[in-house]
N, C-alpha and C. Protein backbone atom coordinates (compact mmCIF):
# COMPACT_ATOMS: atom_id res chain seq x y z
N MET A 1 0.82 -1.19 0.00
CA MET A 1 0.00 0.00 0.00
C MET A 1 0.87 1.26 0.00
N LYS A 2 1.92 1.23 0.82
CA LYS A 2 2.78 2.40 0.91
C LYS A 2 3.54 2.63 -0.38
N ASN A 3 3.91 1.56 -1.05
CA ASN A 3 4.63 1.67 -2.31
C ASN A 3 3.76 2.30 -3.39
N ALA A 4 2.47 1.93 -3.43
CA ALA A 4 1.55 2.52 -4.40
C ALA A 4 1.36 4.00 -4.13
N HIS A 5 1.33 4.39 -2.86
CA HIS A 5 1.18 5.80 -2.50
C HIS A 5 2.39 6.60 -2.95
N SER A 6 3.57 6.04 -2.77
CA SER A 6 4.79 6.76 -3.19
C SER A 6 4.86 6.85 -4.71
N GLU A 7 4.37 5.84 -5.41
CA GLU A 7 4.34 5.89 -6.88
C GLU A 7 3.39 6.99 -7.37
N ARG A 8 2.24 7.11 -6.74
CA ARG A 8 1.29 8.17 -7.11
C ARG A 8 1.89 9.54 -6.85
N LYS A 9 2.57 9.66 -5.72
CA LYS A 9 3.20 10.92 -5.37
C LYS A 9 4.28 11.29 -6.39
N LYS A 10 5.04 10.29 -6.81
CA LYS A 10 6.09 10.52 -7.79
C LYS A 10 5.49 10.99 -9.12
N TYR A 11 4.42 10.34 -9.57
CA TYR A 11 3.76 10.75 -10.81
C TYR A 11 3.15 12.13 -10.70
N PHE A 12 2.61 12.47 -9.54
CA PHE A 12 2.04 13.79 -9.33
C PHE A 12 3.12 14.87 -9.47
N TYR A 13 4.25 14.65 -8.81
CA TYR A 13 5.35 15.62 -8.90
C TYR A 13 5.90 15.71 -10.32
N LEU A 14 6.03 14.58 -10.98
CA LEU A 14 6.52 14.57 -12.36
C LEU A 14 5.56 15.32 -13.29
N TYR A 15 4.26 15.06 -13.13
CA TYR A 15 3.25 15.74 -13.94
C TYR A 15 3.29 17.25 -13.70
N THR A 16 3.44 17.66 -12.45
CA THR A 16 3.49 19.08 -12.11
C THR A 16 4.70 19.75 -12.73
N ILE A 17 5.85 19.10 -12.66
CA ILE A 17 7.06 19.67 -13.25
C ILE A 17 6.95 19.77 -14.76
N VAL A 18 6.43 18.73 -15.40
CA VAL A 18 6.26 18.77 -16.86
C VAL A 18 5.25 19.84 -17.25
N PHE A 19 4.15 19.96 -16.51
CA PHE A 19 3.16 20.99 -16.81
C PHE A 19 3.76 22.39 -16.70
N LEU A 20 4.51 22.65 -15.63
CA LEU A 20 5.13 23.97 -15.46
C LEU A 20 6.14 24.25 -16.56
N ALA A 21 6.90 23.26 -16.97
CA ALA A 21 7.88 23.45 -18.05
C ALA A 21 7.18 23.77 -19.37
N VAL A 22 6.10 23.04 -19.69
CA VAL A 22 5.37 23.28 -20.93
C VAL A 22 4.69 24.65 -20.89
N ALA A 23 4.10 25.01 -19.75
CA ALA A 23 3.46 26.33 -19.63
C ALA A 23 4.49 27.44 -19.77
N LEU A 24 5.68 27.25 -19.22
CA LEU A 24 6.74 28.24 -19.35
C LEU A 24 7.15 28.41 -20.81
N VAL A 25 7.26 27.31 -21.54
CA VAL A 25 7.63 27.39 -22.95
C VAL A 25 6.53 28.07 -23.76
N ILE A 26 5.27 27.72 -23.50
CA ILE A 26 4.17 28.26 -24.29
C ILE A 26 3.96 29.75 -24.03
N PHE A 27 3.99 30.16 -22.77
CA PHE A 27 3.69 31.55 -22.44
C PHE A 27 4.91 32.45 -22.34
N SER A 28 6.09 31.92 -22.55
CA SER A 28 7.29 32.74 -22.41
C SER A 28 7.35 33.85 -23.46
N TRP A 29 6.81 33.63 -24.66
CA TRP A 29 6.87 34.66 -25.70
C TRP A 29 6.10 35.90 -25.29
N SER A 30 4.97 35.73 -24.61
CA SER A 30 4.21 36.91 -24.21
C SER A 30 4.88 37.62 -23.04
N PHE A 31 5.46 36.87 -22.13
CA PHE A 31 6.15 37.50 -21.00
C PHE A 31 7.41 38.22 -21.45
N LEU A 32 8.15 37.63 -22.38
CA LEU A 32 9.39 38.23 -22.85
C LEU A 32 9.14 39.46 -23.72
N SER A 33 8.02 39.50 -24.41
CA SER A 33 7.71 40.65 -25.26
C SER A 33 6.96 41.75 -24.51
N GLY A 34 6.68 41.54 -23.23
CA GLY A 34 6.02 42.55 -22.42
C GLY A 34 4.53 42.65 -22.65
N ARG A 35 3.93 41.63 -23.19
CA ARG A 35 2.48 41.62 -23.44
C ARG A 35 1.76 40.88 -22.33
N THR A 36 0.46 41.13 -22.25
CA THR A 36 -0.37 40.39 -21.31
C THR A 36 -1.27 39.45 -22.09
N LEU A 37 -1.95 38.58 -21.38
CA LEU A 37 -2.84 37.63 -22.03
C LEU A 37 -4.23 38.22 -22.27
N ILE A 38 -4.44 39.46 -21.83
CA ILE A 38 -5.73 40.13 -22.01
C ILE A 38 -5.57 41.14 -23.14
N TYR A 39 -6.38 41.02 -24.18
CA TYR A 39 -6.32 41.94 -25.29
C TYR A 39 -7.08 43.22 -24.92
N GLU A 40 -6.74 44.32 -25.54
CA GLU A 40 -7.29 45.63 -25.17
C GLU A 40 -8.80 45.75 -25.39
N GLY A 41 -9.30 45.32 -26.51
CA GLY A 41 -10.70 45.53 -26.86
C GLY A 41 -11.68 44.83 -25.97
N ASP A 42 -12.20 43.72 -26.42
CA ASP A 42 -13.20 42.98 -25.66
C ASP A 42 -12.61 42.25 -24.47
N GLY A 43 -11.35 41.96 -24.52
CA GLY A 43 -10.73 41.20 -23.44
C GLY A 43 -10.86 41.88 -22.10
N TRP A 44 -10.57 43.16 -22.04
CA TRP A 44 -10.59 43.87 -20.77
C TRP A 44 -12.00 44.32 -20.41
N LYS A 45 -12.70 44.91 -21.36
CA LYS A 45 -14.00 45.52 -21.06
C LYS A 45 -15.11 44.50 -20.82
N GLN A 46 -15.01 43.37 -21.46
CA GLN A 46 -16.12 42.43 -21.38
C GLN A 46 -15.72 41.10 -20.74
N HIS A 47 -14.76 40.43 -21.31
CA HIS A 47 -14.46 39.07 -20.88
C HIS A 47 -13.79 39.00 -19.52
N TYR A 48 -12.85 39.89 -19.23
CA TYR A 48 -12.19 39.86 -17.93
C TYR A 48 -13.18 40.14 -16.80
N ARG A 49 -14.00 41.12 -16.98
CA ARG A 49 -15.00 41.44 -15.94
C ARG A 49 -16.00 40.31 -15.76
N ALA A 50 -16.38 39.67 -16.86
CA ALA A 50 -17.30 38.53 -16.76
C ALA A 50 -16.64 37.37 -16.02
N LEU A 51 -15.36 37.13 -16.26
CA LEU A 51 -14.67 36.05 -15.56
C LEU A 51 -14.50 36.35 -14.07
N VAL A 52 -14.27 37.61 -13.73
CA VAL A 52 -14.18 37.99 -12.32
C VAL A 52 -15.52 37.76 -11.64
N TYR A 53 -16.60 38.16 -12.30
CA TYR A 53 -17.93 37.94 -11.74
C TYR A 53 -18.23 36.45 -11.61
N TYR A 54 -17.89 35.69 -12.64
CA TYR A 54 -18.15 34.25 -12.63
C TYR A 54 -17.34 33.57 -11.52
N GLY A 55 -16.11 34.02 -11.27
CA GLY A 55 -15.30 33.47 -10.19
C GLY A 55 -15.95 33.73 -8.84
N SER A 56 -16.46 34.93 -8.65
CA SER A 56 -17.17 35.25 -7.41
C SER A 56 -18.42 34.40 -7.26
N TYR A 57 -19.12 34.19 -8.35
CA TYR A 57 -20.33 33.37 -8.37
C TYR A 57 -20.01 31.93 -7.94
N LEU A 58 -18.94 31.36 -8.50
CA LEU A 58 -18.57 30.00 -8.15
C LEU A 58 -18.06 29.90 -6.72
N ARG A 59 -17.32 30.91 -6.25
CA ARG A 59 -16.84 30.90 -4.87
C ARG A 59 -18.00 30.94 -3.88
N SER A 60 -19.06 31.68 -4.22
CA SER A 60 -20.20 31.72 -3.30
C SER A 60 -20.88 30.35 -3.22
N ILE A 61 -20.93 29.61 -4.32
CA ILE A 61 -21.51 28.27 -4.30
C ILE A 61 -20.65 27.33 -3.46
N ILE A 62 -19.33 27.39 -3.66
CA ILE A 62 -18.41 26.51 -2.93
C ILE A 62 -18.39 26.86 -1.45
N LYS A 63 -18.42 28.15 -1.13
CA LYS A 63 -18.44 28.58 0.27
C LYS A 63 -19.69 28.06 0.99
N GLU A 64 -20.83 28.17 0.34
CA GLU A 64 -22.08 27.68 0.92
C GLU A 64 -22.02 26.17 1.12
N LEU A 65 -21.42 25.48 0.17
CA LEU A 65 -21.33 24.02 0.25
C LEU A 65 -20.37 23.59 1.36
N LEU A 66 -19.24 24.25 1.50
CA LEU A 66 -18.25 23.84 2.49
C LEU A 66 -18.61 24.24 3.91
N PHE A 67 -19.14 25.44 4.10
CA PHE A 67 -19.38 25.92 5.45
C PHE A 67 -20.77 25.59 5.99
N HIS A 68 -21.77 25.56 5.12
CA HIS A 68 -23.13 25.30 5.59
C HIS A 68 -23.67 23.95 5.12
N HIS A 69 -22.88 23.22 4.32
CA HIS A 69 -23.22 21.88 3.85
C HIS A 69 -24.55 21.85 3.10
N ARG A 70 -24.77 22.90 2.33
CA ARG A 70 -25.96 22.96 1.47
C ARG A 70 -25.52 23.36 0.07
N LEU A 71 -26.18 22.80 -0.93
CA LEU A 71 -25.91 23.19 -2.30
C LEU A 71 -26.92 24.25 -2.70
N VAL A 72 -26.52 25.50 -2.59
CA VAL A 72 -27.38 26.63 -2.93
C VAL A 72 -26.77 27.33 -4.14
N ILE A 73 -27.48 27.28 -5.24
CA ILE A 73 -27.00 27.93 -6.46
C ILE A 73 -27.80 29.22 -6.62
N PRO A 74 -27.12 30.38 -6.52
CA PRO A 74 -27.85 31.64 -6.66
C PRO A 74 -28.31 31.86 -8.10
N PHE A 75 -29.34 32.67 -8.24
CA PHE A 75 -29.81 33.00 -9.58
C PHE A 75 -28.75 33.76 -10.34
N TRP A 76 -28.71 33.55 -11.63
CA TRP A 76 -27.74 34.22 -12.48
C TRP A 76 -28.15 35.68 -12.65
N ASP A 77 -27.20 36.57 -12.57
CA ASP A 77 -27.47 37.99 -12.73
C ASP A 77 -27.17 38.39 -14.17
N PHE A 78 -28.18 38.79 -14.89
CA PHE A 78 -27.99 39.16 -16.29
C PHE A 78 -27.46 40.58 -16.45
N ALA A 79 -27.16 41.26 -15.36
CA ALA A 79 -26.67 42.64 -15.43
C ALA A 79 -25.15 42.69 -15.67
N ILE A 80 -24.49 41.55 -15.80
CA ILE A 80 -23.04 41.62 -15.98
C ILE A 80 -22.67 42.07 -17.37
N GLY A 81 -23.53 41.95 -18.32
CA GLY A 81 -23.22 42.36 -19.69
C GLY A 81 -23.54 43.78 -19.85
């Protein structure tokens, strides 16, 4: 049992290192050129704000589930657009 646990741990660390290396290679061009991953037009004004709102929405669901042990999904707010 302990050997299987150490094997899983080894694969987890290996996967994490490979993922970070691949992400570094893929996104290094934008970091080195001084660009961000958010484009000026719709990226900032619409999509970024929607993702921030959606993150808050999901955190409220998870918080309710973890602290009060209830699955409460709030109504969607159509005012984000």
